[in-house]
Amino acid sequence: MSLPKPTFSVIVPTHNRPALLAEALDSLRAQTRGDWEAVVVDDASTPAVSIAQGDPRIRLVRQDPGQGGAAAKNRGIAEARGEILAYLDDDDLYAPDFLEQAGEALERRADVDVVFMGVAWFGSNGEWGQDNYDRTMARFLAGAGGERSGNLIVFGEALLPALLKSVPMAFQRPVVRRAALDRIGAYRSDCLLWDCDWAIRAALEAKAALVHAGVYRQRAEGQGYSSRRDRTLEHLHSGIGIMENLLAASRAGRHAAHARLFRAAAAQSWFDLAWHLYLNGRRIEALPPLLRSAARQPALAQLKLLSRLPLPVRPPAGC
């Protein structure tokens, strides 16, 4: 007998984390709303994921060979039956009212297609993660503005320029109407910062809101794949790729009204790379990205850094 069509489809990508996956699914079973299905996408785990029978709302699909988190999310989207899609990483948890709060926000505001969900951090590094998140969100929301009603903030045009500067973790935790996905598009598996890329495109293509309460529980135990070694350079290059793609699209006529905004964002991304290389003593390598930054949009900061490139980086006082 087929199950009734769910309101929510929760997509859970997973790879080699059976114990953490079990905790994630337990948090889903504890939801105050029961009109959901879970699509667990096993991205080539060894051994293959096995889920204890008993809850027909949980389905398992497998990708082999593995294709990464973005492709796993896209596979889940293709398999999902619900009209509202949410995502749960295999090492994280939902608060019991996660789906309830997301559903209430979308029911209250028919004009909103994407609701980003506030984050609460837990684990051995949770205190540090929460403090950093709170400070980041305070700065972000001061620039992003929005109409606030209780725990819900509905954004206007200021959201896009704010996201071009920073994509806090809450904006990497979306709940989205299926009808809006055709406009926003899939996750880009060729982009390391694919959650950030998707959030920016969502701000371009849909009206967005934020449930400010920390109902997405983010684990901070050093278990994240991207945190296992220094990936700053990879992140910087990925950010450049995002901004250059937006700039190229605007030059081709898509979202041309934002061309100046994208040009400034691309210039800043190239400058950030140049500055990072300079601070790490790689002064010759810093010159090409610095010139690319100036080519996108000249600024005084570029001239200042150019004048310092022949000089060694000064150590902090007291060293």
C-alpha atoms as a PDB file:
ATOM      1  CA  MET A   1       0.000   0.000   0.000  1.00  0.00           C
ATOM      2  CA  SER A   2       1.440   3.378  -0.989  1.00  0.00           C
ATOM      3  CA  LEU A   3       1.836   6.070   1.624  1.00  0.00           C
ATOM      4  CA  PRO A   4      -0.017   9.396   1.307  1.00  0.00           C
ATOM      5  CA  LYS A   5       1.979  12.158  -0.320  1.00  0.00           C
ATOM      6  CA  PRO A   6       3.988  13.942   2.390  1.00  0.00           C
ATOM      7  CA  THR A   7       4.120  17.688   2.908  1.00  0.00           C
ATOM      8  CA  PHE A   8       7.859  17.621   3.599  1.00  0.00           C
ATOM      9  CA  SER A   9      10.651  15.681   1.952  1.00  0.00           C
ATOM     10  CA  VAL A  10      13.774  15.724   4.121  1.00  0.00           C
ATOM     11  CA  ILE A  11      16.901  14.866   2.139  1.00  0.00           C
ATOM     12  CA  VAL A  12      19.691  13.286   4.187  1.00  0.00           C
ATOM     13  CA  PRO A  13      23.008  12.773   2.347  1.00  0.00           C
ATOM     14  CA  THR A  14      25.338  10.393   4.150  1.00  0.00           C
ATOM     15  CA  HIS A  15      28.791   8.891   3.804  1.00  0.00           C
ATOM     16  CA  ASN A  16      30.445   6.508   6.291  1.00  0.00           C
ATOM     17  CA  ARG A  17      28.726   7.844   9.417  1.00  0.00           C
ATOM     18  CA  PRO A  18      26.269   5.127  10.514  1.00  0.00           C
ATOM     19  CA  ALA A  19      26.141   6.089  14.197  1.00  0.00           C
ATOM     20  CA  LEU A  20      25.678   9.807  13.500  1.00  0.00           C
ATOM     21  CA  LEU A  21      23.109   9.037  10.790  1.00  0.00           C
ATOM     22  CA  ALA A  22      21.063   7.058  13.317  1.00  0.00           C
ATOM     23  CA  GLU A  23      21.031  10.102  15.638  1.00  0.00           C
ATOM     24  CA  ALA A  24      19.987  12.387  12.785  1.00  0.00           C
ATOM     25  CA  LEU A  25      17.084  10.109  11.851  1.00  0.00           C
ATOM     26  CA  ASP A  26      16.017   9.829  15.496  1.00  0.00           C
ATOM     27  CA  SER A  27      15.721  13.631  15.591  1.00  0.00           C
ATOM     28  CA  LEU A  28      13.509  13.445  12.515  1.00  0.00           C
ATOM     29  CA  ARG A  29      11.256  10.793  14.069  1.00  0.00           C
ATOM     30  CA  ALA A  30      10.867  13.118  17.088  1.00  0.00           C
ATOM     31  CA  GLN A  31       9.324  15.933  15.015  1.00  0.00           C
ATOM     32  CA  THR A  32       6.087  17.484  16.239  1.00  0.00           C
ATOM     33  CA  ARG A  33       4.799  17.224  12.650  1.00  0.00           C
ATOM     34  CA  GLY A  34       4.519  13.771  11.157  1.00  0.00           C
ATOM     35  CA  ASP A  35       3.676  14.615   7.527  1.00  0.00           C
ATOM     36  CA  TRP A  36       7.189  13.999   6.206  1.00  0.00           C
ATOM     37  CA  GLU A  37       9.290  11.507   4.338  1.00  0.00           C
ATOM     38  CA  ALA A  38      13.064  11.124   4.528  1.00  0.00           C
ATOM     39  CA  VAL A  39      15.173  10.337   1.485  1.00  0.00           C
ATOM     40  CA  VAL A  40      18.513   9.028   2.746  1.00  0.00           C
ATOM     41  CA  VAL A  41      21.105   9.226  -0.032  1.00  0.00           C
ATOM     42  CA  ASP A  42      23.999   6.852   0.623  1.00  0.00           C
ATOM     43  CA  ASP A  43      26.954   8.348  -1.233  1.00  0.00           C
ATOM     44  CA  ALA A  44      29.008   5.164  -1.646  1.00  0.00           C
ATOM     45  CA  SER A  45      29.457   4.347   2.039  1.00  0.00           C
ATOM     46  CA  THR A  46      31.571   1.307   2.910  1.00  0.00           C
ATOM     47  CA  PRO A  47      29.838  -0.780   4.028  1.00  0.00           C
ATOM     48  CA  ALA A  48      26.601   0.319   2.396  1.00  0.00           C
ATOM     49  CA  VAL A  49      24.113   2.078   4.657  1.00  0.00           C
ATOM     50  CA  SER A  50      21.502  -0.132   6.282  1.00  0.00           C
ATOM     51  CA  ILE A  51      18.468   1.355   7.998  1.00  0.00           C
ATOM     52  CA  ALA A  52      16.425  -0.664  10.472  1.00  0.00           C
ATOM     53  CA  GLN A  53      12.921  -1.310   9.198  1.00  0.00           C
ATOM     54  CA  GLY A  54       9.941   0.052  11.094  1.00  0.00           C
ATOM     55  CA  ASP A  55       9.291   3.535   9.713  1.00  0.00           C
ATOM     56  CA  PRO A  56       7.945   3.446   6.146  1.00  0.00           C
ATOM     57  CA  ARG A  57       8.487   7.189   5.830  1.00  0.00           C
ATOM     58  CA  ILE A  58      12.257   6.632   5.501  1.00  0.00           C
ATOM     59  CA  ARG A  59      13.552   5.581   2.070  1.00  0.00           C
ATOM     60  CA  LEU A  60      17.119   4.735   1.104  1.00  0.00           C
ATOM     61  CA  VAL A  61      18.804   5.303  -2.257  1.00  0.00           C
ATOM     62  CA  ARG A  62      22.464   4.725  -3.082  1.00  0.00           C
ATOM     63  CA  GLN A  63      25.025   6.408  -5.323  1.00  0.00           C
ATOM     64  CA  ASP A  64      28.007   4.273  -6.311  1.00  0.00           C
ATOM     65  CA  PRO A  65      30.573   5.548  -7.085  1.00  0.00           C
ATOM     66  CA  GLY A  66      30.301   8.482  -4.713  1.00  0.00           C
ATOM     67  CA  GLN A  67      29.650  11.903  -6.200  1.00  0.00           C
ATOM     68  CA  GLY A  68      29.836  14.232  -3.205  1.00  0.00           C
ATOM     69  CA  GLY A  69      27.364  16.124  -1.067  1.00  0.00           C
ATOM     70  CA  ALA A  70      25.936  18.416  -3.733  1.00  0.00           C
ATOM     71  CA  ALA A  71      25.176  15.545  -6.097  1.00  0.00           C
ATOM     72  CA  ALA A  72      23.681  13.568  -3.210  1.00  0.00           C
ATOM     73  CA  LYS A  73      21.313  16.436  -2.438  1.00  0.00           C
ATOM     74  CA  ASN A  74      20.346  16.672  -6.096  1.00  0.00           C
ATOM     75  CA  ARG A  75      19.624  12.919  -6.157  1.00  0.00           C
ATOM     76  CA  GLY A  76      17.430  13.360  -3.103  1.00  0.00           C
ATOM     77  CA  ILE A  77      15.548  16.194  -4.790  1.00  0.00           C
ATOM     78  CA  ALA A  78      14.885  13.953  -7.794  1.00  0.00           C
ATOM     79  CA  GLU A  79      13.552  11.180  -5.533  1.00  0.00           C
ATOM     80  CA  ALA A  80      11.460  13.424  -3.255  1.00  0.00           C
ATOM     81  CA  ARG A  81       7.639  13.388  -3.322  1.00  0.00           C
ATOM     82  CA  GLY A  82       6.875  16.313  -1.015  1.00  0.00           C
ATOM     83  CA  GLU A  83       5.973  19.870  -1.978  1.00  0.00           C
ATOM     84  CA  ILE A  84       8.403  21.338   0.561  1.00  0.00           C
ATOM     85  CA  LEU A  85      12.033  20.200   0.637  1.00  0.00           C
ATOM     86  CA  ALA A  86      14.355  20.344   3.628  1.00  0.00           C
ATOM     87  CA  TYR A  87      17.875  19.033   4.221  1.00  0.00           C
ATOM     88  CA  LEU A  88      19.568  17.368   7.172  1.00  0.00           C
ATOM     89  CA  ASP A  89      23.283  16.573   7.182  1.00  0.00           C
ATOM     90  CA  ASP A  90      24.051  13.129   8.579  1.00  0.00           C
ATOM     91  CA  ASP A  91      26.069  14.572  11.482  1.00  0.00           C
ATOM     92  CA  ASP A  92      23.474  17.134  12.576  1.00  0.00           C
ATOM     93  CA  LEU A  93      20.054  17.126  14.273  1.00  0.00           C
ATOM     94  CA  TYR A  94      16.677  18.824  14.022  1.00  0.00           C
ATOM     95  CA  ALA A  95      15.067  20.391  17.067  1.00  0.00           C
ATOM     96  CA  PRO A  96      11.655  18.737  17.608  1.00  0.00           C
ATOM     97  CA  ASP A  97       9.804  21.752  16.155  1.00  0.00           C
ATOM     98  CA  PHE A  98      12.049  22.274  13.102  1.00  0.00           C
ATOM     99  CA  LEU A  99       9.451  21.200  10.528  1.00  0.00           C
ATOM    100  CA  GLU A 100       6.644  22.834  12.485  1.00  0.00           C
ATOM    101  CA  GLN A 101       8.365  26.218  12.465  1.00  0.00           C
ATOM    102  CA  ALA A 102       9.329  25.948   8.792  1.00  0.00           C
ATOM    103  CA  GLY A 103       5.798  24.950   7.838  1.00  0.00           C
ATOM    104  CA  GLU A 104       4.213  27.745   9.870  1.00  0.00           C
ATOM    105  CA  ALA A 105       6.482  30.321   8.204  1.00  0.00           C
ATOM    106  CA  LEU A 106       5.552  29.164   4.698  1.00  0.00           C
ATOM    107  CA  GLU A 107       1.856  28.937   5.592  1.00  0.00           C
ATOM    108  CA  ARG A 108       1.905  32.421   7.084  1.00  0.00           C
ATOM    109  CA  ARG A 109       3.674  34.012   4.107  1.00  0.00           C
ATOM    110  CA  ALA A 110       2.459  32.664   0.757  1.00  0.00           C
ATOM    111  CA  ASP A 111       4.856  35.059  -1.018  1.00  0.00           C
ATOM    112  CA  VAL A 112       7.919  33.426   0.582  1.00  0.00           C
ATOM    113  CA  ASP A 113       9.448  30.459  -1.266  1.00  0.00           C
ATOM    114  CA  VAL A 114      12.606  29.863   0.783  1.00  0.00           C
ATOM    115  CA  VAL A 115      12.903  29.827   4.555  1.00  0.00           C
ATOM    116  CA  PHE A 116      16.400  29.663   6.003  1.00  0.00           C
ATOM    117  CA  MET A 117      16.618  28.089   9.447  1.00  0.00           C
ATOM    118  CA  GLY A 118      18.505  29.404  12.454  1.00  0.00           C
ATOM    119  CA  VAL A 119      21.312  27.293  13.912  1.00  0.00           C
ATOM    120  CA  ALA A 120      22.165  26.174  17.436  1.00  0.00           C
ATOM    121  CA  TRP A 121      25.600  24.590  17.898  1.00  0.00           C
ATOM    122  CA  PHE A 122      26.435  21.639  20.124  1.00  0.00           C
ATOM    123  CA  GLY A 123      29.394  19.340  20.782  1.00  0.00           C
ATOM    124  CA  SER A 124      32.885  19.793  22.187  1.00  0.00           C
ATOM    125  CA  ASN A 125      33.458  22.899  20.053  1.00  0.00           C
ATOM    126  CA  GLY A 126      29.865  24.053  20.312  1.00  0.00           C
ATOM    127  CA  GLU A 127      30.473  27.026  22.603  1.00  0.00           C
ATOM    128  CA  TRP A 128      33.055  28.474  20.217  1.00  0.00           C
ATOM    129  CA  GLY A 129      30.855  27.753  17.216  1.00  0.00           C
ATOM    130  CA  GLN A 130      27.812  29.378  18.813  1.00  0.00           C
ATOM    131  CA  ASP A 131      29.708  32.497  19.837  1.00  0.00           C
ATOM    132  CA  ASN A 132      31.174  32.939  16.370  1.00  0.00           C
ATOM    133  CA  TYR A 133      27.784  32.283  14.764  1.00  0.00           C
ATOM    134  CA  ASP A 134      25.981  34.788  16.996  1.00  0.00           C
ATOM    135  CA  ARG A 135      28.478  37.546  16.216  1.00  0.00           C
ATOM    136  CA  THR A 136      28.392  36.758  12.491  1.00  0.00           C
ATOM    137  CA  MET A 137      24.587  36.767  12.412  1.00  0.00           C
ATOM    138  CA  ALA A 138      24.363  40.053  14.311  1.00  0.00           C
ATOM    139  CA  ARG A 139      26.596  41.758  11.738  1.00  0.00           C
ATOM    140  CA  PHE A 140      24.808  40.091   8.854  1.00  0.00           C
ATOM    141  CA  LEU A 141      21.289  40.986   9.955  1.00  0.00           C
ATOM    142  CA  ALA A 142      22.314  44.592  10.572  1.00  0.00           C
ATOM    143  CA  GLY A 143      23.072  44.825   6.856  1.00  0.00           C
ATOM    144  CA  ALA A 144      20.383  42.512   5.482  1.00  0.00           C
ATOM    145  CA  GLY A 145      17.510  44.286   7.200  1.00  0.00           C
ATOM    146  CA  GLY A 146      14.111  42.674   6.724  1.00  0.00           C
ATOM    147  CA  GLU A 147      10.664  42.736   8.254  1.00  0.00           C
ATOM    148  CA  ARG A 148      10.649  41.038  11.647  1.00  0.00           C
ATOM    149  CA  SER A 149       7.644  39.328  13.226  1.00  0.00           C
ATOM    150  CA  GLY A 150       8.478  37.175  16.218  1.00  0.00           C
ATOM    151  CA  ASN A 151      11.048  34.576  15.148  1.00  0.00           C
ATOM    152  CA  LEU A 152      10.458  35.226  11.435  1.00  0.00           C
ATOM    153  CA  ILE A 153      12.393  37.784   9.387  1.00  0.00           C
ATOM    154  CA  VAL A 154      11.203  38.367   5.807  1.00  0.00           C
ATOM    155  CA  PHE A 155      13.882  39.918   3.609  1.00  0.00           C
ATOM    156  CA  GLY A 156      13.805  42.444   0.818  1.00  0.00           C
ATOM    157  CA  GLU A 157      16.389  43.609  -1.704  1.00  0.00           C
ATOM    158  CA  ALA A 158      19.142  44.080   0.910  1.00  0.00           C
ATOM    159  CA  LEU A 159      19.516  40.317   1.349  1.00  0.00           C
ATOM    160  CA  LEU A 160      21.440  39.762  -1.904  1.00  0.00           C
ATOM    161  CA  PRO A 161      24.282  42.260  -1.266  1.00  0.00           C
ATOM    162  CA  ALA A 162      24.570  40.948   2.296  1.00  0.00           C
ATOM    163  CA  LEU A 163      24.956  37.358   1.047  1.00  0.00           C
ATOM    164  CA  LEU A 164      27.565  38.420  -1.486  1.00  0.00           C
ATOM    165  CA  LYS A 165      29.712  39.499   1.473  1.00  0.00           C
ATOM    166  CA  SER A 166      29.019  36.576   3.791  1.00  0.00           C
ATOM    167  CA  VAL A 167      26.797  33.471   3.925  1.00  0.00           C
ATOM    168  CA  PRO A 168      26.306  32.582   7.605  1.00  0.00           C
ATOM    169  CA  MET A 169      25.484  28.977   8.468  1.00  0.00           C
ATOM    170  CA  ALA A 170      21.754  29.658   8.843  1.00  0.00           C
ATOM    171  CA  PHE A 171      21.641  30.597   5.154  1.00  0.00           C
ATOM    172  CA  GLN A 172      23.115  27.204   4.296  1.00  0.00           C
ATOM    173  CA  ARG A 173      20.115  25.508   5.940  1.00  0.00           C
ATOM    174  CA  PRO A 174      17.155  26.151   3.603  1.00  0.00           C
ATOM    175  CA  VAL A 175      13.612  24.838   3.442  1.00  0.00           C
ATOM    176  CA  VAL A 176      12.208  25.485  -0.047  1.00  0.00           C
ATOM    177  CA  ARG A 177       8.986  25.054  -1.955  1.00  0.00           C
ATOM    178  CA  ARG A 178       9.438  22.598  -4.809  1.00  0.00           C
ATOM    179  CA  ALA A 179       7.825  25.077  -7.196  1.00  0.00           C
ATOM    180  CA  ALA A 180      10.729  27.494  -6.630  1.00  0.00           C
ATOM    181  CA  LEU A 181      13.494  24.971  -7.369  1.00  0.00           C
ATOM    182  CA  ASP A 182      13.096  25.280 -11.144  1.00  0.00           C
ATOM    183  CA  ARG A 183      13.948  28.977 -10.865  1.00  0.00           C
ATOM    184  CA  ILE A 184      16.768  28.603  -8.344  1.00  0.00           C
ATOM    185  CA  GLY A 185      18.317  25.499  -9.868  1.00  0.00           C
ATOM    186  CA  ALA A 186      20.157  22.495  -8.468  1.00  0.00           C
ATOM    187  CA  TYR A 187      23.217  22.433  -6.243  1.00  0.00           C
ATOM    188  CA  ARG A 188      26.460  22.810  -8.212  1.00  0.00           C
ATOM    189  CA  SER A 189      28.636  19.761  -7.677  1.00  0.00           C
ATOM    190  CA  ASP A 190      31.607  21.596  -9.251  1.00  0.00           C
ATOM    191  CA  CYS A 191      31.572  24.208  -6.478  1.00  0.00           C
ATOM    192  CA  LEU A 192      33.183  23.549  -3.087  1.00  0.00           C
ATOM    193  CA  LEU A 193      30.956  26.178  -1.432  1.00  0.00           C
ATOM    194  CA  TRP A 194      27.839  24.819  -3.059  1.00  0.00           C
ATOM    195  CA  ASP A 195      25.554  25.670  -0.119  1.00  0.00           C
ATOM    196  CA  CYS A 196      26.701  29.299  -0.305  1.00  0.00           C
ATOM    197  CA  ASP A 197      26.279  29.400  -4.068  1.00  0.00           C
ATOM    198  CA  TRP A 198      22.724  28.075  -3.770  1.00  0.00           C
ATOM    199  CA  ALA A 199      21.801  30.622  -1.096  1.00  0.00           C
ATOM    200  CA  ILE A 200      22.919  33.509  -3.298  1.00  0.00           C
ATOM    201  CA  ARG A 201      20.959  32.165  -6.264  1.00  0.00           C
ATOM    202  CA  ALA A 202      17.931  31.703  -4.017  1.00  0.00           C
ATOM    203  CA  ALA A 203      18.109  35.382  -3.035  1.00  0.00           C
ATOM    204  CA  LEU A 204      18.191  36.256  -6.736  1.00  0.00           C
ATOM    205  CA  GLU A 205      15.264  34.087  -7.765  1.00  0.00           C
ATOM    206  CA  ALA A 206      12.900  33.939  -4.789  1.00  0.00           C
ATOM    207  CA  LYS A 207      11.603  35.840  -1.796  1.00  0.00           C
ATOM    208  CA  ALA A 208      13.318  34.545   1.305  1.00  0.00           C
ATOM    209  CA  ALA A 209      12.816  34.586   5.062  1.00  0.00           C
ATOM    210  CA  LEU A 210      14.673  33.394   8.145  1.00  0.00           C
ATOM    211  CA  VAL A 211      13.379  31.497  11.161  1.00  0.00           C
ATOM    212  CA  HIS A 212      15.741  33.136  13.619  1.00  0.00           C
ATOM    213  CA  ALA A 213      15.339  30.523  16.373  1.00  0.00           C
ATOM    214  CA  GLY A 214      18.088  27.898  16.514  1.00  0.00           C
ATOM    215  CA  VAL A 215      16.063  24.900  15.369  1.00  0.00           C
ATOM    216  CA  TYR A 216      18.799  23.360  13.182  1.00  0.00           C
ATOM    217  CA  ARG A 217      21.319  21.777  15.543  1.00  0.00           C
ATOM    218  CA  GLN A 218      24.836  21.923  14.137  1.00  0.00           C
ATOM    219  CA  ARG A 219      27.361  19.463  15.517  1.00  0.00           C
ATOM    220  CA  ALA A 220      30.823  20.901  16.234  1.00  0.00           C
ATOM    221  CA  GLU A 221      33.156  18.012  16.995  1.00  0.00           C
ATOM    222  CA  GLY A 222      35.737  18.552  14.267  1.00  0.00           C
ATOM    223  CA  GLN A 223      33.968  15.823  12.291  1.00  0.00           C
ATOM    224  CA  GLY A 224      33.235  17.962   9.216  1.00  0.00           C
ATOM    225  CA  TYR A 225      35.076  16.801   6.107  1.00  0.00           C
ATOM    226  CA  SER A 226      35.998  20.367   5.156  1.00  0.00           C
ATOM    227  CA  SER A 227      37.467  21.051   8.613  1.00  0.00           C
ATOM    228  CA  ARG A 228      39.943  18.182   8.623  1.00  0.00           C
ATOM    229  CA  ARG A 229      42.693  20.309   7.121  1.00  0.00           C
ATOM    230  CA  ASP A 230      43.262  23.901   6.162  1.00  0.00           C
ATOM    231  CA  ARG A 231      41.113  24.603   3.142  1.00  0.00           C
ATOM    232  CA  THR A 232      41.280  28.392   3.165  1.00  0.00           C
ATOM    233  CA  LEU A 233      42.773  28.630  -0.312  1.00  0.00           C
ATOM    234  CA  GLU A 234      40.169  26.239  -1.708  1.00  0.00           C
ATOM    235  CA  HIS A 235      37.412  28.282  -0.117  1.00  0.00           C
ATOM    236  CA  LEU A 236      38.810  31.514  -1.523  1.00  0.00           C
ATOM    237  CA  HIS A 237      39.039  30.061  -5.029  1.00  0.00           C
ATOM    238  CA  SER A 238      35.514  28.672  -4.757  1.00  0.00           C
ATOM    239  CA  GLY A 239      34.213  32.080  -3.669  1.00  0.00           C
ATOM    240  CA  ILE A 240      35.909  33.650  -6.687  1.00  0.00           C
ATOM    241  CA  GLY A 241      34.227  31.076  -8.928  1.00  0.00           C
ATOM    242  CA  ILE A 242      30.801  31.926  -7.510  1.00  0.00           C
ATOM    243  CA  MET A 243      31.262  35.661  -8.063  1.00  0.00           C
ATOM    244  CA  GLU A 244      32.756  35.250 -11.529  1.00  0.00           C
ATOM    245  CA  ASN A 245      29.829  33.044 -12.577  1.00  0.00           C
ATOM    246  CA  LEU A 246      27.368  35.694 -11.410  1.00  0.00           C
ATOM    247  CA  LEU A 247      29.311  38.419 -13.206  1.00  0.00           C
ATOM    248  CA  ALA A 248      29.455  36.397 -16.424  1.00  0.00           C
ATOM    249  CA  ALA A 249      25.701  35.749 -16.244  1.00  0.00           C
ATOM    250  CA  SER A 250      25.002  39.455 -15.806  1.00  0.00           C
ATOM    251  CA  ARG A 251      27.170  40.277 -18.815  1.00  0.00           C
ATOM    252  CA  ALA A 252      25.140  37.749 -20.812  1.00  0.00           C
ATOM    253  CA  GLY A 253      21.950  39.586 -19.882  1.00  0.00           C
ATOM    254  CA  ARG A 254      20.756  37.527 -16.898  1.00  0.00           C
ATOM    255  CA  HIS A 255      20.216  39.716 -13.851  1.00  0.00           C
ATOM    256  CA  ALA A 256      21.943  42.563 -15.687  1.00  0.00           C
ATOM    257  CA  ALA A 257      20.533  45.021 -13.156  1.00  0.00           C
ATOM    258  CA  HIS A 258      22.933  43.545 -10.597  1.00  0.00           C
ATOM    259  CA  ALA A 259      26.046  43.731 -12.804  1.00  0.00           C
ATOM    260  CA  ARG A 260      27.687  46.487 -10.747  1.00  0.00           C
ATOM    261  CA  LEU A 261      27.033  44.578  -7.531  1.00  0.00           C
ATOM    262  CA  PHE A 262      28.539  41.379  -8.951  1.00  0.00           C
ATOM    263  CA  ARG A 263      31.551  43.251 -10.312  1.00  0.00           C
ATOM    264  CA  ALA A 264      32.284  44.675  -6.871  1.00  0.00           C
ATOM    265  CA  ALA A 265      31.849  41.243  -5.276  1.00  0.00           C
ATOM    266  CA  ALA A 266      34.233  39.637  -7.777  1.00  0.00           C
ATOM    267  CA  ALA A 267      36.808  42.375  -7.163  1.00  0.00           C
ATOM    268  CA  GLN A 268      36.606  41.796  -3.407  1.00  0.00           C
ATOM    269  CA  SER A 269      36.971  38.024  -3.831  1.00  0.00           C
ATOM    270  CA  TRP A 270      40.132  38.401  -5.903  1.00  0.00           C
ATOM    271  CA  PHE A 271      41.486  40.919  -3.380  1.00  0.00           C
ATOM    272  CA  ASP A 272      40.789  38.532  -0.491  1.00  0.00           C
ATOM    273  CA  LEU A 273      42.894  35.884  -2.239  1.00  0.00           C
ATOM    274  CA  ALA A 274      45.726  38.347  -2.869  1.00  0.00           C
ATOM    275  CA  TRP A 275      45.677  39.477   0.753  1.00  0.00           C
ATOM    276  CA  HIS A 276      45.739  35.894   2.027  1.00  0.00           C
ATOM    277  CA  LEU A 277      48.727  35.051  -0.163  1.00  0.00           C
ATOM    278  CA  TYR A 278      50.561  38.194   0.943  1.00  0.00           C
ATOM    279  CA  LEU A 279      49.988  37.453   4.638  1.00  0.00           C
ATOM    280  CA  ASN A 280      51.373  33.964   4.118  1.00  0.00           C
ATOM    281  CA  GLY A 281      54.591  35.253   2.541  1.00  0.00           C
ATOM    282  CA  ARG A 282      53.599  34.362  -1.019  1.00  0.00           C
ATOM    283  CA  ARG A 283      54.034  37.904  -2.308  1.00  0.00           C
ATOM    284  CA  ILE A 284      54.820  37.089  -5.947  1.00  0.00           C
ATOM    285  CA  GLU A 285      51.750  34.840  -6.170  1.00  0.00           C
ATOM    286  CA  ALA A 286      49.616  37.653  -4.741  1.00  0.00           C
ATOM    287  CA  LEU A 287      50.199  39.918  -7.742  1.00  0.00           C
ATOM    288  CA  PRO A 288      47.985  38.169 -10.378  1.00  0.00           C
ATOM    289  CA  PRO A 289      44.837  38.062  -8.207  1.00  0.00           C
ATOM    290  CA  LEU A 290      45.495  41.645  -7.119  1.00  0.00           C
ATOM    291  CA  LEU A 291      45.583  42.749 -10.771  1.00  0.00           C
ATOM    292  CA  ARG A 292      42.394  40.797 -11.483  1.00  0.00           C
ATOM    293  CA  SER A 293      40.733  42.549  -8.568  1.00  0.00           C
ATOM    294  CA  ALA A 294      41.705  45.946  -9.995  1.00  0.00           C
ATOM    295  CA  ALA A 295      40.468  44.919 -13.435  1.00  0.00           C
ATOM    296  CA  ARG A 296      37.022  44.192 -11.981  1.00  0.00           C
ATOM    297  CA  GLN A 297      36.814  47.402  -9.936  1.00  0.00           C
ATOM    298  CA  PRO A 298      39.762  49.657  -8.962  1.00  0.00           C
ATOM    299  CA  ALA A 299      40.059  50.610  -5.304  1.00  0.00           C
ATOM    300  CA  LEU A 300      42.550  52.341  -3.027  1.00  0.00           C
ATOM    301  CA  ALA A 301      43.111  49.149  -1.029  1.00  0.00           C
ATOM    302  CA  GLN A 302      44.580  47.513  -4.129  1.00  0.00           C
ATOM    303  CA  LEU A 303      47.159  50.276  -4.537  1.00  0.00           C
ATOM    304  CA  LYS A 304      48.093  50.003  -0.879  1.00  0.00           C
ATOM    305  CA  LEU A 305      48.648  46.279  -1.148  1.00  0.00           C
ATOM    306  CA  LEU A 306      50.556  46.685  -4.421  1.00  0.00           C
ATOM    307  CA  SER A 307      52.950  49.071  -2.702  1.00  0.00           C
ATOM    308  CA  ARG A 308      53.577  46.494   0.041  1.00  0.00           C
ATOM    309  CA  LEU A 309      54.226  43.479  -2.176  1.00  0.00           C
ATOM    310  CA  PRO A 310      57.983  44.166  -2.543  1.00  0.00           C
ATOM    311  CA  LEU A 311      58.264  44.302   1.254  1.00  0.00           C
ATOM    312  CA  PRO A 312      58.249  41.365   3.666  1.00  0.00           C
ATOM    313  CA  VAL A 313      55.201  40.877   5.835  1.00  0.00           C
ATOM    314  CA  ARG A 314      55.722  42.549   9.196  1.00  0.00           C
ATOM    315  CA  PRO A 315      55.472  40.140  12.140  1.00  0.00           C
ATOM    316  CA  PRO A 316      53.024  41.019  14.950  1.00  0.00           C
ATOM    317  CA  ALA A 317      54.357  43.323  17.634  1.00  0.00           C
ATOM    318  CA  GLY A 318      56.291  41.502  20.326  1.00  0.00           C
ATOM    319  CA  CYS A 319      57.541  38.702  18.086  1.00  0.00           C
END
